[in-house]
Amino acid sequence: MKGLIFSVKRYSIHDGPGIRVTFFMKGCPLSCWWCHNPEGISPDQETVEQIEKVGEMEFRKTEEAGRFYSVNDILEILDKERIFISYSKGGITFSGGEPMLQMDFLSEALKVCKANGYHTAVDTSGYSSTDNFKTIIPFTDLFLFDIKHLNDNLHNEYTGVSNMLVLENLRLLLSSGRDIMIRIPVIPGINDDDDHLESLREFIMNNKNENLKKINLLPYHKIGSSKYKKFNIPYRMSDAQQPSRQRMNELKMFFSETGIKVKIGG
């Protein structure tokens, strides 16, 4: 059994506690306007041609987006980093895309990594069947869970899917005994208005328990915008501005009133 992964990030410190190795898995059922990993949207392996110009000369090169890894390949990478992972109390994180789109591989990888003593985390949009979540809960120490918008109509407009299943799965995880970090992308003009932020804070306060360890506020950025043309995907956020540091600090204080630790960034 193999999984299709488009990036492996060693020495990651933003995808869970400690030093981690993060595997970014191909395929996502959402189409978020602000996605900074467009290479992870398609569930298929892709070959992309890049053209670079030097003066009048053009140089063409191809790039593979996605490579197949076995569970043993995953373990070999982890074992090379074990000393750093162990010393920092880190582990492995599966991100994407949406890792639960490759459910069979994900559940097997989590099971094996857990059996080999690694702290396991899954970074998810929450958009997968409840049965899928129930399958991986026993082998997952931490869920990094996105809340993009509470308004179902706007969630549909800006991500392509309803949020009803997402919120149902969040409630399931909060009752599972596993650690949860809620991740909130801060997207100017889409989910950062006062009414929505008030509703979101109230939702968190009404649903929190001891398993909810942290809120991560993820400021929108344009870092991934250059990738869109390469993958022939329209970029719909050209006019959006990145939130200022002052604005992010204000939101940190705002969500700190939930009594949960808040961090800007992953």
C-alpha atoms as a PDB file:
ATOM      1  CA  MET A   1       0.000   0.000   0.000  1.00  0.00           C
ATOM      2  CA  LYS A   2       1.308   3.424  -0.936  1.00  0.00           C
ATOM      3  CA  GLY A   3       0.218   7.004  -0.417  1.00  0.00           C
ATOM      4  CA  LEU A   4       0.637   9.922  -2.800  1.00  0.00           C
ATOM      5  CA  ILE A   5       2.568  12.732  -1.103  1.00  0.00           C
ATOM      6  CA  PHE A   6       3.541  16.043  -2.692  1.00  0.00           C
ATOM      7  CA  SER A   7       5.908  17.386  -0.031  1.00  0.00           C
ATOM      8  CA  VAL A   8       7.884  16.189   2.985  1.00  0.00           C
ATOM      9  CA  LYS A   9       8.845  18.853   5.500  1.00  0.00           C
ATOM     10  CA  ARG A  10      11.523  17.911   8.006  1.00  0.00           C
ATOM     11  CA  TYR A  11      12.213  19.953  11.164  1.00  0.00           C
ATOM     12  CA  SER A  12       8.664  21.294  11.115  1.00  0.00           C
ATOM     13  CA  ILE A  13       7.738  23.278  14.234  1.00  0.00           C
ATOM     14  CA  HIS A  14       4.306  24.573  13.168  1.00  0.00           C
ATOM     15  CA  ASP A  15       2.317  21.349  12.782  1.00  0.00           C
ATOM     16  CA  GLY A  16       2.094  20.152  16.352  1.00  0.00           C
ATOM     17  CA  PRO A  17       4.394  19.987  19.384  1.00  0.00           C
ATOM     18  CA  GLY A  18       8.160  19.649  19.114  1.00  0.00           C
ATOM     19  CA  ILE A  19      10.177  18.975  15.979  1.00  0.00           C
ATOM     20  CA  ARG A  20       8.139  16.992  13.494  1.00  0.00           C
ATOM     21  CA  VAL A  21       8.174  15.535  10.014  1.00  0.00           C
ATOM     22  CA  THR A  22       5.094  16.656   8.082  1.00  0.00           C
ATOM     23  CA  PHE A  23       3.872  14.693   5.081  1.00  0.00           C
ATOM     24  CA  PHE A  24       1.623  16.647   2.726  1.00  0.00           C
ATOM     25  CA  MET A  25      -0.784  14.263   1.003  1.00  0.00           C
ATOM     26  CA  LYS A  26      -2.308  14.801  -2.439  1.00  0.00           C
ATOM     27  CA  GLY A  27      -5.995  15.371  -2.955  1.00  0.00           C
ATOM     28  CA  CYS A  28      -8.556  17.637  -1.337  1.00  0.00           C
ATOM     29  CA  PRO A  29     -12.391  17.650  -1.536  1.00  0.00           C
ATOM     30  CA  LEU A  30     -12.434  21.404  -0.865  1.00  0.00           C
ATOM     31  CA  SER A  31     -11.587  24.254  -3.220  1.00  0.00           C
ATOM     32  CA  CYS A  32     -10.789  27.082  -0.799  1.00  0.00           C
ATOM     33  CA  TRP A  33     -10.243  30.410  -2.519  1.00  0.00           C
ATOM     34  CA  TRP A  34      -7.144  31.112  -0.406  1.00  0.00           C
ATOM     35  CA  CYS A  35      -5.483  27.686  -0.621  1.00  0.00           C
ATOM     36  CA  HIS A  36      -1.694  28.063  -0.451  1.00  0.00           C
ATOM     37  CA  ASN A  37      -1.025  24.473  -1.554  1.00  0.00           C
ATOM     38  CA  PRO A  38      -2.768  24.241  -4.964  1.00  0.00           C
ATOM     39  CA  GLU A  39      -0.413  21.403  -5.884  1.00  0.00           C
ATOM     40  CA  GLY A  40      -2.255  19.349  -3.270  1.00  0.00           C
ATOM     41  CA  ILE A  41      -5.765  19.784  -4.673  1.00  0.00           C
ATOM     42  CA  SER A  42      -5.764  17.113  -7.374  1.00  0.00           C
ATOM     43  CA  PRO A  43      -5.724  13.518  -6.069  1.00  0.00           C
ATOM     44  CA  ASP A  44      -3.577  12.491  -9.050  1.00  0.00           C
ATOM     45  CA  GLN A  45       0.136  12.595  -9.707  1.00  0.00           C
ATOM     46  CA  GLU A  46       0.826  15.555 -11.978  1.00  0.00           C
ATOM     47  CA  THR A  47       3.651  16.519 -14.296  1.00  0.00           C
ATOM     48  CA  VAL A  48       4.146  20.267 -14.563  1.00  0.00           C
ATOM     49  CA  GLU A  49       6.300  22.025 -17.158  1.00  0.00           C
ATOM     50  CA  GLN A  50       8.132  25.167 -16.135  1.00  0.00           C
ATOM     51  CA  ILE A  51       9.638  27.670 -18.550  1.00  0.00           C
ATOM     52  CA  GLU A  52      12.474  29.868 -17.344  1.00  0.00           C
ATOM     53  CA  LYS A  53      13.914  32.682 -19.446  1.00  0.00           C
ATOM     54  CA  VAL A  54      17.489  33.908 -19.394  1.00  0.00           C
ATOM     55  CA  GLY A  55      17.794  36.743 -21.881  1.00  0.00           C
ATOM     56  CA  GLU A  56      16.441  35.440 -25.180  1.00  0.00           C
ATOM     57  CA  MET A  57      16.900  31.819 -24.172  1.00  0.00           C
ATOM     58  CA  GLU A  58      14.111  29.619 -22.831  1.00  0.00           C
ATOM     59  CA  PHE A  59      14.766  26.625 -20.629  1.00  0.00           C
ATOM     60  CA  ARG A  60      12.048  24.045 -20.059  1.00  0.00           C
ATOM     61  CA  LYS A  61      12.007  21.600 -17.205  1.00  0.00           C
ATOM     62  CA  THR A  62       9.405  19.209 -15.873  1.00  0.00           C
ATOM     63  CA  GLU A  63       8.473  18.727 -12.260  1.00  0.00           C
ATOM     64  CA  GLU A  64       6.543  15.872 -10.671  1.00  0.00           C
ATOM     65  CA  ALA A  65       3.845  16.948  -8.233  1.00  0.00           C
ATOM     66  CA  GLY A  66       3.362  13.911  -6.040  1.00  0.00           C
ATOM     67  CA  ARG A  67       5.393  10.823  -5.279  1.00  0.00           C
ATOM     68  CA  PHE A  68       4.259   7.485  -3.917  1.00  0.00           C
ATOM     69  CA  TYR A  69       5.541   6.443  -0.499  1.00  0.00           C
ATOM     70  CA  SER A  70       5.068   3.170   1.351  1.00  0.00           C
ATOM     71  CA  VAL A  71       4.577   3.025   5.113  1.00  0.00           C
ATOM     72  CA  ASN A  72       8.128   1.676   5.352  1.00  0.00           C
ATOM     73  CA  ASP A  73       9.359   4.736   3.444  1.00  0.00           C
ATOM     74  CA  ILE A  74       7.641   6.911   6.047  1.00  0.00           C
ATOM     75  CA  LEU A  75       9.295   5.014   8.900  1.00  0.00           C
ATOM     76  CA  GLU A  76      12.747   5.258   7.290  1.00  0.00           C
ATOM     77  CA  ILE A  77      12.426   9.050   7.092  1.00  0.00           C
ATOM     78  CA  LEU A  78      11.222   9.252  10.684  1.00  0.00           C
ATOM     79  CA  ASP A  79      13.963   6.995  11.999  1.00  0.00           C
ATOM     80  CA  LYS A  80      16.616   9.276  10.497  1.00  0.00           C
ATOM     81  CA  GLU A  81      15.127  12.161  12.490  1.00  0.00           C
ATOM     82  CA  ARG A  82      14.327  10.175  15.636  1.00  0.00           C
ATOM     83  CA  ILE A  83      16.936  11.869  17.834  1.00  0.00           C
ATOM     84  CA  PHE A  84      15.509  15.342  17.086  1.00  0.00           C
ATOM     85  CA  ILE A  85      11.922  14.137  17.376  1.00  0.00           C
ATOM     86  CA  SER A  86      12.589  12.378  20.666  1.00  0.00           C
ATOM     87  CA  TYR A  87      14.579  15.214  22.245  1.00  0.00           C
ATOM     88  CA  SER A  88      11.915  17.822  21.378  1.00  0.00           C
ATOM     89  CA  LYS A  89       8.923  15.558  22.117  1.00  0.00           C
ATOM     90  CA  GLY A  90       7.849  15.914  18.501  1.00  0.00           C
ATOM     91  CA  GLY A  91       6.425  13.424  16.055  1.00  0.00           C
ATOM     92  CA  ILE A  92       4.797  12.999  12.665  1.00  0.00           C
ATOM     93  CA  THR A  93       2.000  15.052  11.100  1.00  0.00           C
ATOM     94  CA  PHE A  94      -0.082  14.151   8.072  1.00  0.00           C
ATOM     95  CA  SER A  95      -1.350  17.234   6.252  1.00  0.00           C
ATOM     96  CA  GLY A  96      -2.433  18.059   2.736  1.00  0.00           C
ATOM     97  CA  GLY A  97      -4.530  18.515   0.759  1.00  0.00           C
ATOM     98  CA  GLU A  98      -6.838  16.484   2.951  1.00  0.00           C
ATOM     99  CA  PRO A  99      -5.026  13.392   4.279  1.00  0.00           C
ATOM    100  CA  MET A 100      -8.288  11.558   4.941  1.00  0.00           C
ATOM    101  CA  LEU A 101      -8.923  11.407   1.202  1.00  0.00           C
ATOM    102  CA  GLN A 102      -6.318   8.595   1.227  1.00  0.00           C
ATOM    103  CA  MET A 103      -7.960   6.859   4.142  1.00  0.00           C
ATOM    104  CA  ASP A 104      -6.565   3.335   3.840  1.00  0.00           C
ATOM    105  CA  PHE A 105      -2.979   4.526   3.629  1.00  0.00           C
ATOM    106  CA  LEU A 106      -3.452   7.134   6.353  1.00  0.00           C
ATOM    107  CA  SER A 107      -4.926   4.703   8.868  1.00  0.00           C
ATOM    108  CA  GLU A 108      -2.197   2.128   8.236  1.00  0.00           C
ATOM    109  CA  ALA A 109       0.570   4.743   8.483  1.00  0.00           C
ATOM    110  CA  LEU A 110      -0.835   6.153  11.724  1.00  0.00           C
ATOM    111  CA  LYS A 111      -1.144   2.677  13.215  1.00  0.00           C
ATOM    112  CA  VAL A 112       2.451   1.733  12.355  1.00  0.00           C
ATOM    113  CA  CYS A 113       3.929   5.073  13.430  1.00  0.00           C
ATOM    114  CA  LYS A 114       2.070   4.883  16.730  1.00  0.00           C
ATOM    115  CA  ALA A 115       3.307   1.330  17.287  1.00  0.00           C
ATOM    116  CA  ASN A 116       6.865   2.563  16.699  1.00  0.00           C
ATOM    117  CA  GLY A 117       6.583   5.160  19.447  1.00  0.00           C
ATOM    118  CA  TYR A 118       5.910   8.309  17.421  1.00  0.00           C
ATOM    119  CA  HIS A 119       3.471  11.033  18.469  1.00  0.00           C
ATOM    120  CA  THR A 120       0.930  11.269  15.638  1.00  0.00           C
ATOM    121  CA  ALA A 121      -1.058  14.244  14.351  1.00  0.00           C
ATOM    122  CA  VAL A 122      -3.531  14.775  11.522  1.00  0.00           C
ATOM    123  CA  ASP A 123      -4.132  18.228  10.021  1.00  0.00           C
ATOM    124  CA  THR A 124      -7.645  18.096   8.588  1.00  0.00           C
ATOM    125  CA  SER A 125     -10.389  20.215   7.064  1.00  0.00           C
ATOM    126  CA  GLY A 126     -12.845  18.023   8.945  1.00  0.00           C
ATOM    127  CA  TYR A 127     -14.597  17.119   5.702  1.00  0.00           C
ATOM    128  CA  SER A 128     -14.647  13.322   5.763  1.00  0.00           C
ATOM    129  CA  SER A 129     -17.070  10.712   6.977  1.00  0.00           C
ATOM    130  CA  THR A 130     -17.590  10.341  10.700  1.00  0.00           C
ATOM    131  CA  ASP A 131     -16.717   6.650  10.335  1.00  0.00           C
ATOM    132  CA  ASN A 132     -13.331   7.636   8.899  1.00  0.00           C
ATOM    133  CA  PHE A 133     -12.608   9.753  11.950  1.00  0.00           C
ATOM    134  CA  LYS A 134     -13.682   6.955  14.254  1.00  0.00           C
ATOM    135  CA  THR A 135     -11.238   4.650  12.445  1.00  0.00           C
ATOM    136  CA  ILE A 136      -8.179   6.830  13.055  1.00  0.00           C
ATOM    137  CA  ILE A 137      -8.976   8.228  16.507  1.00  0.00           C
ATOM    138  CA  PRO A 138      -7.265   5.305  18.322  1.00  0.00           C
ATOM    139  CA  PHE A 139      -3.983   5.966  16.468  1.00  0.00           C
ATOM    140  CA  THR A 140      -3.998   9.797  16.459  1.00  0.00           C
ATOM    141  CA  ASP A 141      -2.697  11.799  19.416  1.00  0.00           C
ATOM    142  CA  LEU A 142      -3.572  15.239  18.047  1.00  0.00           C
ATOM    143  CA  PHE A 143      -5.986  16.680  15.510  1.00  0.00           C
ATOM    144  CA  LEU A 144      -5.238  20.050  13.914  1.00  0.00           C
ATOM    145  CA  PHE A 145      -8.754  21.010  12.888  1.00  0.00           C
ATOM    146  CA  ASP A 146      -9.708  23.858  10.530  1.00  0.00           C
ATOM    147  CA  ILE A 147     -12.731  26.071  11.070  1.00  0.00           C
ATOM    148  CA  LYS A 148     -13.062  28.214   7.960  1.00  0.00           C
ATOM    149  CA  HIS A 149     -16.572  29.679   8.318  1.00  0.00           C
ATOM    150  CA  LEU A 150     -19.605  29.031  10.540  1.00  0.00           C
ATOM    151  CA  ASN A 151     -22.117  30.296   7.975  1.00  0.00           C
ATOM    152  CA  ASP A 152     -22.978  27.273   5.849  1.00  0.00           C
ATOM    153  CA  ASN A 153     -23.865  29.289   2.737  1.00  0.00           C
ATOM    154  CA  LEU A 154     -20.592  31.218   2.851  1.00  0.00           C
ATOM    155  CA  HIS A 155     -18.643  28.065   3.652  1.00  0.00           C
ATOM    156  CA  ASN A 156     -20.156  26.540   0.517  1.00  0.00           C
ATOM    157  CA  GLU A 157     -19.313  29.607  -1.545  1.00  0.00           C
ATOM    158  CA  TYR A 158     -15.685  29.888  -0.510  1.00  0.00           C
ATOM    159  CA  THR A 159     -14.726  26.213  -0.041  1.00  0.00           C
ATOM    160  CA  GLY A 160     -17.144  24.353  -2.297  1.00  0.00           C
ATOM    161  CA  VAL A 161     -18.637  22.209   0.490  1.00  0.00           C
ATOM    162  CA  SER A 162     -21.050  22.490   3.409  1.00  0.00           C
ATOM    163  CA  ASN A 163     -19.724  22.916   6.949  1.00  0.00           C
ATOM    164  CA  MET A 164     -22.362  20.677   8.571  1.00  0.00           C
ATOM    165  CA  LEU A 165     -20.209  17.535   8.430  1.00  0.00           C
ATOM    166  CA  VAL A 166     -17.161  19.550   9.505  1.00  0.00           C
ATOM    167  CA  LEU A 167     -18.825  20.800  12.685  1.00  0.00           C
ATOM    168  CA  GLU A 168     -20.290  17.367  13.420  1.00  0.00           C
ATOM    169  CA  ASN A 169     -16.815  15.849  13.234  1.00  0.00           C
ATOM    170  CA  LEU A 170     -15.347  18.552  15.453  1.00  0.00           C
ATOM    171  CA  ARG A 171     -17.883  17.722  18.156  1.00  0.00           C
ATOM    172  CA  LEU A 172     -17.011  14.040  17.774  1.00  0.00           C
ATOM    173  CA  LEU A 173     -13.310  14.727  18.216  1.00  0.00           C
ATOM    174  CA  LEU A 174     -13.867  16.989  21.216  1.00  0.00           C
ATOM    175  CA  SER A 175     -15.606  14.075  22.918  1.00  0.00           C
ATOM    176  CA  SER A 176     -12.967  11.537  21.867  1.00  0.00           C
ATOM    177  CA  GLY A 177     -10.360  12.282  24.531  1.00  0.00           C
ATOM    178  CA  ARG A 178      -7.766  13.218  21.891  1.00  0.00           C
ATOM    179  CA  ASP A 179      -5.982  16.577  21.865  1.00  0.00           C
ATOM    180  CA  ILE A 180      -7.407  19.205  19.528  1.00  0.00           C
ATOM    181  CA  MET A 181      -5.936  22.393  18.131  1.00  0.00           C
ATOM    182  CA  ILE A 182      -8.423  24.548  16.237  1.00  0.00           C
ATOM    183  CA  ARG A 183      -6.954  26.366  13.259  1.00  0.00           C
ATOM    184  CA  ILE A 184      -8.708  29.489  12.000  1.00  0.00           C
ATOM    185  CA  PRO A 185      -7.525  30.964   8.700  1.00  0.00           C
ATOM    186  CA  VAL A 186      -7.982  34.742   8.878  1.00  0.00           C
ATOM    187  CA  ILE A 187      -9.115  35.771   5.401  1.00  0.00           C
ATOM    188  CA  PRO A 188      -9.849  39.504   4.957  1.00  0.00           C
ATOM    189  CA  GLY A 189     -13.257  40.154   3.458  1.00  0.00           C
ATOM    190  CA  ILE A 190     -14.362  36.533   3.838  1.00  0.00           C
ATOM    191  CA  ASN A 191     -14.380  35.444   7.484  1.00  0.00           C
ATOM    192  CA  ASP A 192     -12.895  38.330   9.497  1.00  0.00           C
ATOM    193  CA  ASP A 193     -15.982  40.527   9.974  1.00  0.00           C
ATOM    194  CA  ASP A 194     -17.018  41.295  13.538  1.00  0.00           C
ATOM    195  CA  ASP A 195     -20.294  39.353  13.434  1.00  0.00           C
ATOM    196  CA  HIS A 196     -18.625  36.163  12.278  1.00  0.00           C
ATOM    197  CA  LEU A 197     -15.762  36.479  14.745  1.00  0.00           C
ATOM    198  CA  GLU A 198     -18.218  36.995  17.609  1.00  0.00           C
ATOM    199  CA  SER A 199     -20.167  33.915  16.505  1.00  0.00           C
ATOM    200  CA  LEU A 200     -16.975  31.896  16.198  1.00  0.00           C
ATOM    201  CA  ARG A 201     -15.735  32.851  19.648  1.00  0.00           C
ATOM    202  CA  GLU A 202     -19.117  31.991  21.133  1.00  0.00           C
ATOM    203  CA  PHE A 203     -19.159  28.644  19.289  1.00  0.00           C
ATOM    204  CA  ILE A 204     -15.745  27.754  20.690  1.00  0.00           C
ATOM    205  CA  MET A 205     -16.710  28.749  24.225  1.00  0.00           C
ATOM    206  CA  ASN A 206     -19.911  26.693  24.037  1.00  0.00           C
ATOM    207  CA  ASN A 207     -18.121  23.578  22.773  1.00  0.00           C
ATOM    208  CA  LYS A 208     -14.715  23.674  24.456  1.00  0.00           C
ATOM    209  CA  ASN A 209     -13.515  21.107  26.960  1.00  0.00           C
ATOM    210  CA  GLU A 210     -10.175  20.008  28.394  1.00  0.00           C
ATOM    211  CA  ASN A 211      -9.207  18.380  25.081  1.00  0.00           C
ATOM    212  CA  LEU A 212      -9.125  21.702  23.222  1.00  0.00           C
ATOM    213  CA  LYS A 213      -5.530  22.760  23.807  1.00  0.00           C
ATOM    214  CA  LYS A 214      -4.947  25.722  21.509  1.00  0.00           C
ATOM    215  CA  ILE A 215      -6.355  28.062  18.879  1.00  0.00           C
ATOM    216  CA  ASN A 216      -4.063  28.836  15.950  1.00  0.00           C
ATOM    217  CA  LEU A 217      -4.845  32.006  13.993  1.00  0.00           C
ATOM    218  CA  LEU A 218      -3.444  31.623  10.483  1.00  0.00           C
ATOM    219  CA  PRO A 219      -3.095  34.977   8.671  1.00  0.00           C
ATOM    220  CA  TYR A 220      -3.836  34.892   4.945  1.00  0.00           C
ATOM    221  CA  HIS A 221      -0.722  35.241   2.806  1.00  0.00           C
ATOM    222  CA  LYS A 222       0.075  35.245  -0.897  1.00  0.00           C
ATOM    223  CA  ILE A 223       3.051  32.889  -0.735  1.00  0.00           C
ATOM    224  CA  GLY A 224       1.297  30.183  -2.747  1.00  0.00           C
ATOM    225  CA  SER A 225      -0.168  32.495  -5.395  1.00  0.00           C
ATOM    226  CA  SER A 226       2.676  31.925  -7.867  1.00  0.00           C
ATOM    227  CA  LYS A 227       1.880  28.218  -7.983  1.00  0.00           C
ATOM    228  CA  TYR A 228      -1.581  28.689  -9.445  1.00  0.00           C
ATOM    229  CA  LYS A 229      -0.494  29.517 -12.965  1.00  0.00           C
ATOM    230  CA  LYS A 230       1.825  26.521 -12.970  1.00  0.00           C
ATOM    231  CA  PHE A 231      -1.081  24.207 -12.217  1.00  0.00           C
ATOM    232  CA  ASN A 232      -3.519  26.051 -14.514  1.00  0.00           C
ATOM    233  CA  ILE A 233      -5.822  26.964 -11.619  1.00  0.00           C
ATOM    234  CA  PRO A 234      -7.458  30.420 -11.466  1.00  0.00           C
ATOM    235  CA  TYR A 235      -6.359  32.521  -8.486  1.00  0.00           C
ATOM    236  CA  ARG A 236      -9.366  34.242  -6.930  1.00  0.00           C
ATOM    237  CA  MET A 237      -7.644  36.250  -4.192  1.00  0.00           C
ATOM    238  CA  SER A 238      -5.667  38.750  -6.262  1.00  0.00           C
ATOM    239  CA  ASP A 239      -7.262  41.770  -4.585  1.00  0.00           C
ATOM    240  CA  ALA A 240      -7.057  40.473  -1.014  1.00  0.00           C
ATOM    241  CA  GLN A 241      -4.654  42.078   1.439  1.00  0.00           C
ATOM    242  CA  GLN A 242      -2.734  40.256   4.124  1.00  0.00           C
ATOM    243  CA  PRO A 243      -3.932  41.118   7.658  1.00  0.00           C
ATOM    244  CA  SER A 244      -1.571  43.417   9.527  1.00  0.00           C
ATOM    245  CA  ARG A 245       0.408  42.358  12.570  1.00  0.00           C
ATOM    246  CA  GLN A 246      -1.695  44.764  14.647  1.00  0.00           C
ATOM    247  CA  ARG A 247      -4.901  43.140  13.405  1.00  0.00           C
ATOM    248  CA  MET A 248      -3.597  39.662  14.222  1.00  0.00           C
ATOM    249  CA  ASN A 249      -2.588  40.769  17.724  1.00  0.00           C
ATOM    250  CA  GLU A 250      -6.077  42.202  18.231  1.00  0.00           C
ATOM    251  CA  LEU A 251      -7.600  38.882  17.191  1.00  0.00           C
ATOM    252  CA  LYS A 252      -5.250  37.019  19.513  1.00  0.00           C
ATOM    253  CA  MET A 253      -6.551  39.069  22.435  1.00  0.00           C
ATOM    254  CA  PHE A 254     -10.118  38.626  21.216  1.00  0.00           C
ATOM    255  CA  PHE A 255      -9.942  34.820  21.129  1.00  0.00           C
ATOM    256  CA  SER A 256      -7.929  34.662  24.358  1.00  0.00           C
ATOM    257  CA  GLU A 257     -11.181  35.510  26.106  1.00  0.00           C
ATOM    258  CA  THR A 258     -12.215  31.897  25.480  1.00  0.00           C
ATOM    259  CA  GLY A 259      -9.683  30.872  28.133  1.00  0.00           C
ATOM    260  CA  ILE A 260      -7.778  28.816  25.565  1.00  0.00           C
ATOM    261  CA  LYS A 261      -4.185  29.479  24.596  1.00  0.00           C
ATOM    262  CA  VAL A 262      -4.019  31.391  21.300  1.00  0.00           C
ATOM    263  CA  LYS A 263      -1.096  31.522  18.901  1.00  0.00           C
ATOM    264  CA  ILE A 264      -0.613  33.486  15.693  1.00  0.00           C
ATOM    265  CA  GLY A 265       0.553  31.042  13.060  1.00  0.00           C
ATOM    266  CA  GLY A 266       0.681  27.252  13.085  1.00  0.00           C
END
